Each structure stands twice: as structure tokens, then as C-alpha cells.
């Protein structure tokens, strides 16, 4: 049987995994009384650990966008992000019985995709330069450090403009600085864990974060001034 929800070709927006399938082995659905759409992740995980493929497919459907988005934010390339996301889901199925529930299921899979991306970047020694189409909207990520958006009638528009500036600024950071920033701000990893994953010292991580934040602040301020000048020009 195959996992539905994993596809090797992204849709037109390059933001979602498709509905085709990837073969990973013969399994059977064994849970008889599970209401899959209504079940909590923990219930689905327990069923999937007993080789219930339908339960695992429900988990994939729930969390595939988040996993793909995380891969894309690190790889900055839709095809690579999709391939690595697919590999992350395959690995999570293969090693699902090792999941002990110490963190949430989606956090566990997110760690898998991050490690896969880091390994790929280590081989490539570089980041792609394509734009990040989506940032982590749940945590706010870099937005928490870079700027504060005060509630007002145009808050949604302002937050959208801020994300666009952050997207453009991130693209101008070096591979090392961007990786450290994503791991710390998006994934809330401590310096020790980032150092382990990036294969460097804690001091190096601290230095990279310091320069990344300073660079981001300068870039964001510059982009905001540029937008203001363009707005004034259009009004005139």
C-alpha cells in the first residue's frame, strides 16, 4: 500500500504536496473503530504504530503543509523542498515505532525534515536564492525579534508588508546566518542544539545569530525607507 498525500511534483503554487502516492512497503489498515478525521494526533500515531496506514495518511494530510514550508524556508527551492519533505514522511513511517511521544508528532517530524535539510545543505555548501513564499505564521518567527506590529485598522496589511520585507531580507543573508536564525527563531532551538546540528561551536552560533539579527534589522529598516520613498513618489 502507498501513502496518499506525498507527491514528487508540487502544484502550481509550489506550496502544497499533491495527492499522488509514494510506495514504501506493504502495510494493512488494522484499526477498526477509529474516526480518523476526528481523532487526535496521539490516537492516530498509536494506530499507525500498529501498521494502520489510513491513520498515518491522516497525519500526513494534517501536517504536510507545515513540513513542506519548513523545508522550503531552509532550501529556498520548491523541488528540493518537496523531495526532502517526501523523504521525511517516508522516514517517519519507517521509524514511527521509535516515536515515544516526548514531543508532539509534528515536532518530531519537523526535526526529521530539519536534519534532512541540514544534511543536504552541508553537501551543497550553499543555499538557493529563490524567495521564501511562506513564513511560519504560527510562531511569528523572526517577526518577534525584528519588529513589533501594533494593532490598528490596517494591521493585516502591515503584517503582510512586514513578511514581504522579512522574506527579501532573509534572501540577502549568508547560508550560515540564515540557517542559525531559522533554527533559533522558528524552531526555538537552544544554542547547544544548533551548534550540534550545524557542526560548529556554541560561540560560533552566538556570533552568527548576533550578526544575522543586526543584518536583518539594517535590511528591514532600509527596505521600509525604500517603500516609503516609493509610496511618496506614487502619491506625487
C-alpha atoms as a PDB file:
ATOM      1  CA  UNK A   1       0.000   0.000   0.000  1.00  0.00           C
ATOM      2  CA  UNK A   2       1.127   3.570  -0.565  1.00  0.00           C
ATOM      3  CA  UNK A   3       0.940   6.794   1.417  1.00  0.00           C
ATOM      4  CA  UNK A   4      -1.548   9.189  -0.138  1.00  0.00           C
ATOM      5  CA  UNK A   5      -0.647  12.836   0.197  1.00  0.00           C
ATOM      6  CA  UNK A   6       3.001  12.615  -0.883  1.00  0.00           C
ATOM      7  CA  UNK A   7       3.856  13.651  -4.404  1.00  0.00           C
ATOM      8  CA  UNK A   8       7.043  14.385  -6.282  1.00  0.00           C
ATOM      9  CA  UNK A   9       5.544  17.335  -8.188  1.00  0.00           C
ATOM     10  CA  UNK A  10       4.254  20.473  -6.431  1.00  0.00           C
ATOM     11  CA  UNK A  11       1.074  22.175  -7.545  1.00  0.00           C
ATOM     12  CA  UNK A  12       1.026  25.496  -9.361  1.00  0.00           C
ATOM     13  CA  UNK A  13       1.722  27.466  -6.195  1.00  0.00           C
ATOM     14  CA  UNK A  14       4.592  25.182  -5.111  1.00  0.00           C
ATOM     15  CA  UNK A  15       3.168  25.329  -1.605  1.00  0.00           C
ATOM     16  CA  UNK A  16       1.456  22.004  -1.085  1.00  0.00           C
ATOM     17  CA  UNK A  17       2.152  18.322  -1.511  1.00  0.00           C
ATOM     18  CA  UNK A  18      -0.101  16.701  -4.057  1.00  0.00           C
ATOM     19  CA  UNK A  19      -2.445  13.732  -3.874  1.00  0.00           C
ATOM     20  CA  UNK A  20      -0.385  11.107  -5.658  1.00  0.00           C
ATOM     21  CA  UNK A  21       1.476   8.453  -3.682  1.00  0.00           C
ATOM     22  CA  UNK A  22       4.869   7.050  -2.889  1.00  0.00           C
ATOM     23  CA  UNK A  23       5.319   3.322  -2.360  1.00  0.00           C
ATOM     24  CA  UNK A  24       7.120   2.448   0.848  1.00  0.00           C
ATOM     25  CA  UNK A  25       6.114  -1.122   1.549  1.00  0.00           C
ATOM     26  CA  UNK A  26       3.203  -3.437   2.177  1.00  0.00           C
ATOM     27  CA  UNK A  27       1.048  -2.497   5.157  1.00  0.00           C
ATOM     28  CA  UNK A  28      -2.525  -3.013   6.226  1.00  0.00           C
ATOM     29  CA  UNK A  29      -5.113  -0.886   7.975  1.00  0.00           C
ATOM     30  CA  UNK A  30      -5.776  -2.650  11.260  1.00  0.00           C
ATOM     31  CA  UNK A  31      -7.760  -0.190  13.386  1.00  0.00           C
ATOM     32  CA  UNK A  32     -11.485  -0.855  13.170  1.00  0.00           C
ATOM     33  CA  UNK A  33     -13.062   1.815  15.329  1.00  0.00           C
ATOM     34  CA  UNK A  34     -11.003   4.944  14.638  1.00  0.00           C
ATOM     35  CA  UNK A  35     -12.780   8.060  13.422  1.00  0.00           C
ATOM     36  CA  UNK A  36      -9.735   9.276  11.511  1.00  0.00           C
ATOM     37  CA  UNK A  37     -10.735  12.900  10.747  1.00  0.00           C
ATOM     38  CA  UNK A  38     -11.896  13.499  14.320  1.00  0.00           C
ATOM     39  CA  UNK A  39      -9.132  11.607  16.112  1.00  0.00           C
ATOM     40  CA  UNK A  40      -6.320  13.415  17.909  1.00  0.00           C
ATOM     41  CA  UNK A  41      -2.775  13.041  16.636  1.00  0.00           C
ATOM     42  CA  UNK A  42      -1.823  10.831  19.574  1.00  0.00           C
ATOM     43  CA  UNK A  43      -4.617   8.386  18.721  1.00  0.00           C
ATOM     44  CA  UNK A  44      -3.616   8.309  15.070  1.00  0.00           C
ATOM     45  CA  UNK A  45       0.035   7.766  15.967  1.00  0.00           C
ATOM     46  CA  UNK A  46      -0.815   4.772  18.152  1.00  0.00           C
ATOM     47  CA  UNK A  47      -2.889   3.296  15.341  1.00  0.00           C
ATOM     48  CA  UNK A  48      -0.168   3.988  12.769  1.00  0.00           C
ATOM     49  CA  UNK A  49       2.413   2.314  15.019  1.00  0.00           C
ATOM     50  CA  UNK A  50       0.292  -0.822  14.615  1.00  0.00           C
ATOM     51  CA  UNK A  51       0.646  -0.536  10.830  1.00  0.00           C
ATOM     52  CA  UNK A  52      -2.605   1.347  10.234  1.00  0.00           C
ATOM     53  CA  UNK A  53      -1.772   3.158   7.008  1.00  0.00           C
ATOM     54  CA  UNK A  54      -5.024   5.136   6.942  1.00  0.00           C
ATOM     55  CA  UNK A  55      -4.164   6.670  10.307  1.00  0.00           C
ATOM     56  CA  UNK A  56      -0.744   7.682   9.026  1.00  0.00           C
ATOM     57  CA  UNK A  57      -2.220   9.164   5.867  1.00  0.00           C
ATOM     58  CA  UNK A  58      -4.467  11.321   8.047  1.00  0.00           C
ATOM     59  CA  UNK A  59      -1.377  12.587   9.896  1.00  0.00           C
ATOM     60  CA  UNK A  60       0.295  13.379   6.579  1.00  0.00           C
ATOM     61  CA  UNK A  61      -2.782  15.274   5.367  1.00  0.00           C
ATOM     62  CA  UNK A  62      -2.857  17.350   8.549  1.00  0.00           C
ATOM     63  CA  UNK A  63       0.774  18.330   8.701  1.00  0.00           C
ATOM     64  CA  UNK A  64       2.227  18.085   5.179  1.00  0.00           C
ATOM     65  CA  UNK A  65       1.958  21.836   4.509  1.00  0.00           C
ATOM     66  CA  UNK A  66       3.871  22.740   7.679  1.00  0.00           C
ATOM     67  CA  UNK A  67       6.629  20.213   6.917  1.00  0.00           C
ATOM     68  CA  UNK A  68       6.926  21.377   3.326  1.00  0.00           C
ATOM     69  CA  UNK A  69       7.001  25.025   4.396  1.00  0.00           C
ATOM     70  CA  UNK A  70       9.799  24.348   6.844  1.00  0.00           C
ATOM     71  CA  UNK A  71      11.793  22.558   4.136  1.00  0.00           C
ATOM     72  CA  UNK A  72      11.179  25.381   1.690  1.00  0.00           C
ATOM     73  CA  UNK A  73      12.231  28.042   4.197  1.00  0.00           C
ATOM     74  CA  UNK A  74      15.588  26.298   4.542  1.00  0.00           C
ATOM     75  CA  UNK A  75      16.216  25.056   0.987  1.00  0.00           C
ATOM     76  CA  UNK A  76      14.631  28.006  -0.855  1.00  0.00           C
ATOM     77  CA  UNK A  77      13.828  25.723  -3.772  1.00  0.00           C
ATOM     78  CA  UNK A  78      10.422  24.111  -4.374  1.00  0.00           C
ATOM     79  CA  UNK A  79      11.609  20.861  -5.956  1.00  0.00           C
ATOM     80  CA  UNK A  80      14.245  20.223  -3.293  1.00  0.00           C
ATOM     81  CA  UNK A  81      11.789  21.062  -0.530  1.00  0.00           C
ATOM     82  CA  UNK A  82       9.245  18.649  -1.959  1.00  0.00           C
ATOM     83  CA  UNK A  83      11.763  15.821  -2.335  1.00  0.00           C
ATOM     84  CA  UNK A  84      13.049  16.292   1.199  1.00  0.00           C
ATOM     85  CA  UNK A  85       9.510  16.538   2.592  1.00  0.00           C
ATOM     86  CA  UNK A  86       8.677  13.264   0.905  1.00  0.00           C
ATOM     87  CA  UNK A  87      11.771  11.664   2.382  1.00  0.00           C
ATOM     88  CA  UNK A  88      10.868  12.987   5.827  1.00  0.00           C
ATOM     89  CA  UNK A  89       7.438  11.338   5.686  1.00  0.00           C
ATOM     90  CA  UNK A  90       8.891   8.066   4.468  1.00  0.00           C
ATOM     91  CA  UNK A  91      11.448   8.082   7.270  1.00  0.00           C
ATOM     92  CA  UNK A  92       8.844   8.990   9.848  1.00  0.00           C
ATOM     93  CA  UNK A  93       6.801   5.965   8.776  1.00  0.00           C
ATOM     94  CA  UNK A  94       9.821   3.689   8.815  1.00  0.00           C
ATOM     95  CA  UNK A  95      10.866   4.842  12.301  1.00  0.00           C
ATOM     96  CA  UNK A  96       7.413   5.521  13.735  1.00  0.00           C
ATOM     97  CA  UNK A  97       7.723   2.846  16.419  1.00  0.00           C
ATOM     98  CA  UNK A  98      10.677   4.789  17.819  1.00  0.00           C
ATOM     99  CA  UNK A  99       8.413   7.787  18.486  1.00  0.00           C
ATOM    100  CA  UNK A 100       7.840   7.885  22.253  1.00  0.00           C
ATOM    101  CA  UNK A 101       5.564  10.911  22.473  1.00  0.00           C
ATOM    102  CA  UNK A 102       8.029  13.086  24.402  1.00  0.00           C
ATOM    103  CA  UNK A 103       7.193  15.879  21.950  1.00  0.00           C
ATOM    104  CA  UNK A 104       4.239  16.279  19.620  1.00  0.00           C
ATOM    105  CA  UNK A 105       4.181  14.212  16.447  1.00  0.00           C
ATOM    106  CA  UNK A 106       4.514  17.259  14.201  1.00  0.00           C
ATOM    107  CA  UNK A 107       7.502  18.473  16.235  1.00  0.00           C
ATOM    108  CA  UNK A 108       9.121  15.067  15.783  1.00  0.00           C
ATOM    109  CA  UNK A 109       8.610  15.137  12.003  1.00  0.00           C
ATOM    110  CA  UNK A 110       9.805  18.755  11.883  1.00  0.00           C
ATOM    111  CA  UNK A 111      13.079  17.662  13.472  1.00  0.00           C
ATOM    112  CA  UNK A 112      13.425  14.995  10.794  1.00  0.00           C
ATOM    113  CA  UNK A 113      12.931  17.495   7.961  1.00  0.00           C
ATOM    114  CA  UNK A 114      15.337  19.979   9.540  1.00  0.00           C
ATOM    115  CA  UNK A 115      18.049  17.337   9.805  1.00  0.00           C
ATOM    116  CA  UNK A 116      17.475  16.271   6.202  1.00  0.00           C
ATOM    117  CA  UNK A 117      17.728  19.882   5.039  1.00  0.00           C
ATOM    118  CA  UNK A 118      20.898  20.471   7.046  1.00  0.00           C
ATOM    119  CA  UNK A 119      22.472  17.350   5.586  1.00  0.00           C
ATOM    120  CA  UNK A 120      21.560  18.484   2.085  1.00  0.00           C
ATOM    121  CA  UNK A 121      22.922  21.972   2.696  1.00  0.00           C
ATOM    122  CA  UNK A 122      26.096  20.512   4.086  1.00  0.00           C
ATOM    123  CA  UNK A 123      26.554  18.642   0.822  1.00  0.00           C
ATOM    124  CA  UNK A 124      25.710  21.637  -1.294  1.00  0.00           C
ATOM    125  CA  UNK A 125      27.617  24.174   0.808  1.00  0.00           C
ATOM    126  CA  UNK A 126      25.169  26.817  -0.209  1.00  0.00           C
ATOM    127  CA  UNK A 127      21.558  27.972  -0.138  1.00  0.00           C
ATOM    128  CA  UNK A 128      19.351  28.574  -3.147  1.00  0.00           C
ATOM    129  CA  UNK A 129      18.419  32.220  -3.691  1.00  0.00           C
ATOM    130  CA  UNK A 130      14.738  31.813  -4.589  1.00  0.00           C
ATOM    131  CA  UNK A 131      12.233  33.756  -2.468  1.00  0.00           C
ATOM    132  CA  UNK A 132      10.586  32.194   0.580  1.00  0.00           C
ATOM    133  CA  UNK A 133       6.879  32.119  -0.295  1.00  0.00           C
ATOM    134  CA  UNK A 134       5.673  31.405   3.193  1.00  0.00           C
ATOM    135  CA  UNK A 135       6.991  32.069   6.699  1.00  0.00           C
ATOM    136  CA  UNK A 136       5.931  30.353   9.880  1.00  0.00           C
ATOM    137  CA  UNK A 137       2.678  32.135  10.732  1.00  0.00           C
ATOM    138  CA  UNK A 138       2.084  30.191  13.938  1.00  0.00           C
ATOM    139  CA  UNK A 139       5.179  31.281  15.848  1.00  0.00           C
ATOM    140  CA  UNK A 140       5.774  34.618  14.157  1.00  0.00           C
ATOM    141  CA  UNK A 141       9.442  33.594  13.926  1.00  0.00           C
ATOM    142  CA  UNK A 142      11.785  36.394  13.033  1.00  0.00           C
ATOM    143  CA  UNK A 143       8.979  38.918  13.335  1.00  0.00           C
ATOM    144  CA  UNK A 144       9.181  38.659  17.124  1.00  0.00           C
ATOM    145  CA  UNK A 145      12.799  39.839  17.054  1.00  0.00           C
ATOM    146  CA  UNK A 146      12.788  42.211  14.152  1.00  0.00           C
ATOM    147  CA  UNK A 147       9.722  44.379  14.641  1.00  0.00           C
ATOM    148  CA  UNK A 148       6.553  44.902  16.627  1.00  0.00           C
ATOM    149  CA  UNK A 149       3.323  45.469  14.746  1.00  0.00           C
ATOM    150  CA  UNK A 150       0.822  47.333  16.913  1.00  0.00           C
ATOM    151  CA  UNK A 151      -2.869  46.531  16.428  1.00  0.00           C
ATOM    152  CA  UNK A 152      -4.659  49.049  14.235  1.00  0.00           C
ATOM    153  CA  UNK A 153      -7.270  49.033  11.464  1.00  0.00           C
ATOM    154  CA  UNK A 154      -4.626  48.190   8.842  1.00  0.00           C
ATOM    155  CA  UNK A 155      -2.808  45.566  10.931  1.00  0.00           C
ATOM    156  CA  UNK A 156      -3.285  42.729   8.453  1.00  0.00           C
ATOM    157  CA  UNK A 157      -1.869  44.770   5.572  1.00  0.00           C
ATOM    158  CA  UNK A 158       1.062  45.913   7.686  1.00  0.00           C
ATOM    159  CA  UNK A 159       1.862  42.357   8.749  1.00  0.00           C
ATOM    160  CA  UNK A 160       1.743  41.230   5.122  1.00  0.00           C
ATOM    161  CA  UNK A 161       4.132  44.008   4.113  1.00  0.00           C
ATOM    162  CA  UNK A 162       6.404  43.067   7.022  1.00  0.00           C
ATOM    163  CA  UNK A 163       6.540  39.441   5.870  1.00  0.00           C
ATOM    164  CA  UNK A 164       7.482  40.570   2.385  1.00  0.00           C
ATOM    165  CA  UNK A 165      10.327  42.660   3.806  1.00  0.00           C
ATOM    166  CA  UNK A 166      11.483  39.777   6.002  1.00  0.00           C
ATOM    167  CA  UNK A 167      11.378  37.450   3.013  1.00  0.00           C
ATOM    168  CA  UNK A 168      13.547  39.790   0.965  1.00  0.00           C
ATOM    169  CA  UNK A 169      15.949  40.432   3.842  1.00  0.00           C
ATOM    170  CA  UNK A 170      16.385  36.717   4.590  1.00  0.00           C
ATOM    171  CA  UNK A 171      17.387  36.185   0.989  1.00  0.00           C
ATOM    172  CA  UNK A 172      20.330  38.522   1.497  1.00  0.00           C
ATOM    173  CA  UNK A 173      21.774  36.664   4.493  1.00  0.00           C
ATOM    174  CA  UNK A 174      24.548  34.142   4.118  1.00  0.00           C
ATOM    175  CA  UNK A 175      23.753  30.426   4.330  1.00  0.00           C
ATOM    176  CA  UNK A 176      25.216  30.118   7.826  1.00  0.00           C
ATOM    177  CA  UNK A 177      23.489  33.209   9.217  1.00  0.00           C
ATOM    178  CA  UNK A 178      20.109  32.308   7.724  1.00  0.00           C
ATOM    179  CA  UNK A 179      20.272  28.713   8.972  1.00  0.00           C
ATOM    180  CA  UNK A 180      21.140  29.767  12.520  1.00  0.00           C
ATOM    181  CA  UNK A 181      18.331  32.332  12.519  1.00  0.00           C
ATOM    182  CA  UNK A 182      15.716  29.869  11.250  1.00  0.00           C
ATOM    183  CA  UNK A 183      16.684  27.186  13.763  1.00  0.00           C
ATOM    184  CA  UNK A 184      16.662  29.612  16.676  1.00  0.00           C
ATOM    185  CA  UNK A 185      13.659  31.780  15.817  1.00  0.00           C
ATOM    186  CA  UNK A 186      11.379  29.325  14.020  1.00  0.00           C
ATOM    187  CA  UNK A 187      12.239  26.153  15.901  1.00  0.00           C
ATOM    188  CA  UNK A 188      13.199  27.648  19.286  1.00  0.00           C
ATOM    189  CA  UNK A 189      16.332  25.516  19.445  1.00  0.00           C
ATOM    190  CA  UNK A 190      18.936  26.291  22.089  1.00  0.00           C
ATOM    191  CA  UNK A 191      22.479  27.250  21.179  1.00  0.00           C
ATOM    192  CA  UNK A 192      23.829  23.814  22.080  1.00  0.00           C
ATOM    193  CA  UNK A 193      21.395  22.019  19.779  1.00  0.00           C
ATOM    194  CA  UNK A 194      22.008  24.463  16.920  1.00  0.00           C
ATOM    195  CA  UNK A 195      25.765  24.001  17.310  1.00  0.00           C
ATOM    196  CA  UNK A 196      25.325  20.241  17.125  1.00  0.00           C
ATOM    197  CA  UNK A 197      23.184  20.385  14.016  1.00  0.00           C
ATOM    198  CA  UNK A 198      25.355  22.952  12.251  1.00  0.00           C
ATOM    199  CA  UNK A 199      28.549  21.204  13.349  1.00  0.00           C
ATOM    200  CA  UNK A 200      30.133  24.257  14.903  1.00  0.00           C
ATOM    201  CA  UNK A 201      30.862  25.682  18.362  1.00  0.00           C
ATOM    202  CA  UNK A 202      28.304  27.405  20.584  1.00  0.00           C
ATOM    203  CA  UNK A 203      30.353  30.586  20.298  1.00  0.00           C
ATOM    204  CA  UNK A 204      30.070  30.420  16.522  1.00  0.00           C
ATOM    205  CA  UNK A 205      26.292  30.022  16.795  1.00  0.00           C
ATOM    206  CA  UNK A 206      26.053  33.048  19.085  1.00  0.00           C
ATOM    207  CA  UNK A 207      28.183  35.076  16.702  1.00  0.00           C
ATOM    208  CA  UNK A 208      26.111  34.062  13.675  1.00  0.00           C
ATOM    209  CA  UNK A 209      22.868  34.947  15.437  1.00  0.00           C
ATOM    210  CA  UNK A 210      24.245  38.300  16.538  1.00  0.00           C
ATOM    211  CA  UNK A 211      25.336  39.288  13.037  1.00  0.00           C
ATOM    212  CA  UNK A 212      22.204  37.806  11.446  1.00  0.00           C
ATOM    213  CA  UNK A 213      19.910  39.852  13.700  1.00  0.00           C
ATOM    214  CA  UNK A 214      21.932  43.006  13.177  1.00  0.00           C
ATOM    215  CA  UNK A 215      21.958  42.482   9.414  1.00  0.00           C
ATOM    216  CA  UNK A 216      18.223  41.790   9.385  1.00  0.00           C
ATOM    217  CA  UNK A 217      17.491  44.949  11.374  1.00  0.00           C
ATOM    218  CA  UNK A 218      19.548  47.064   8.942  1.00  0.00           C
ATOM    219  CA  UNK A 219      17.980  45.432   5.881  1.00  0.00           C
ATOM    220  CA  UNK A 220      14.431  45.772   7.203  1.00  0.00           C
ATOM    221  CA  UNK A 221      14.935  49.438   8.046  1.00  0.00           C
ATOM    222  CA  UNK A 222      16.390  50.068   4.601  1.00  0.00           C
ATOM    223  CA  UNK A 223      13.552  48.243   2.859  1.00  0.00           C
ATOM    224  CA  UNK A 224      10.968  50.187   4.853  1.00  0.00           C
ATOM    225  CA  UNK A 225      12.581  53.504   3.887  1.00  0.00           C
ATOM    226  CA  UNK A 226      12.670  52.422   0.259  1.00  0.00           C
ATOM    227  CA  UNK A 227       8.973  51.518   0.341  1.00  0.00           C
ATOM    228  CA  UNK A 228       8.149  54.864   1.946  1.00  0.00           C
ATOM    229  CA  UNK A 229      10.022  56.756  -0.775  1.00  0.00           C
ATOM    230  CA  UNK A 230       8.229  54.769  -3.473  1.00  0.00           C
ATOM    231  CA  UNK A 231       4.887  55.467  -1.833  1.00  0.00           C
ATOM    232  CA  UNK A 232       5.582  59.210  -1.720  1.00  0.00           C
ATOM    233  CA  UNK A 233       6.684  59.167  -5.347  1.00  0.00           C
ATOM    234  CA  UNK A 234       3.473  57.456  -6.415  1.00  0.00           C
ATOM    235  CA  UNK A 235       1.371  59.952  -4.499  1.00  0.00           C
ATOM    236  CA  UNK A 236       3.150  62.827  -6.234  1.00  0.00           C
END
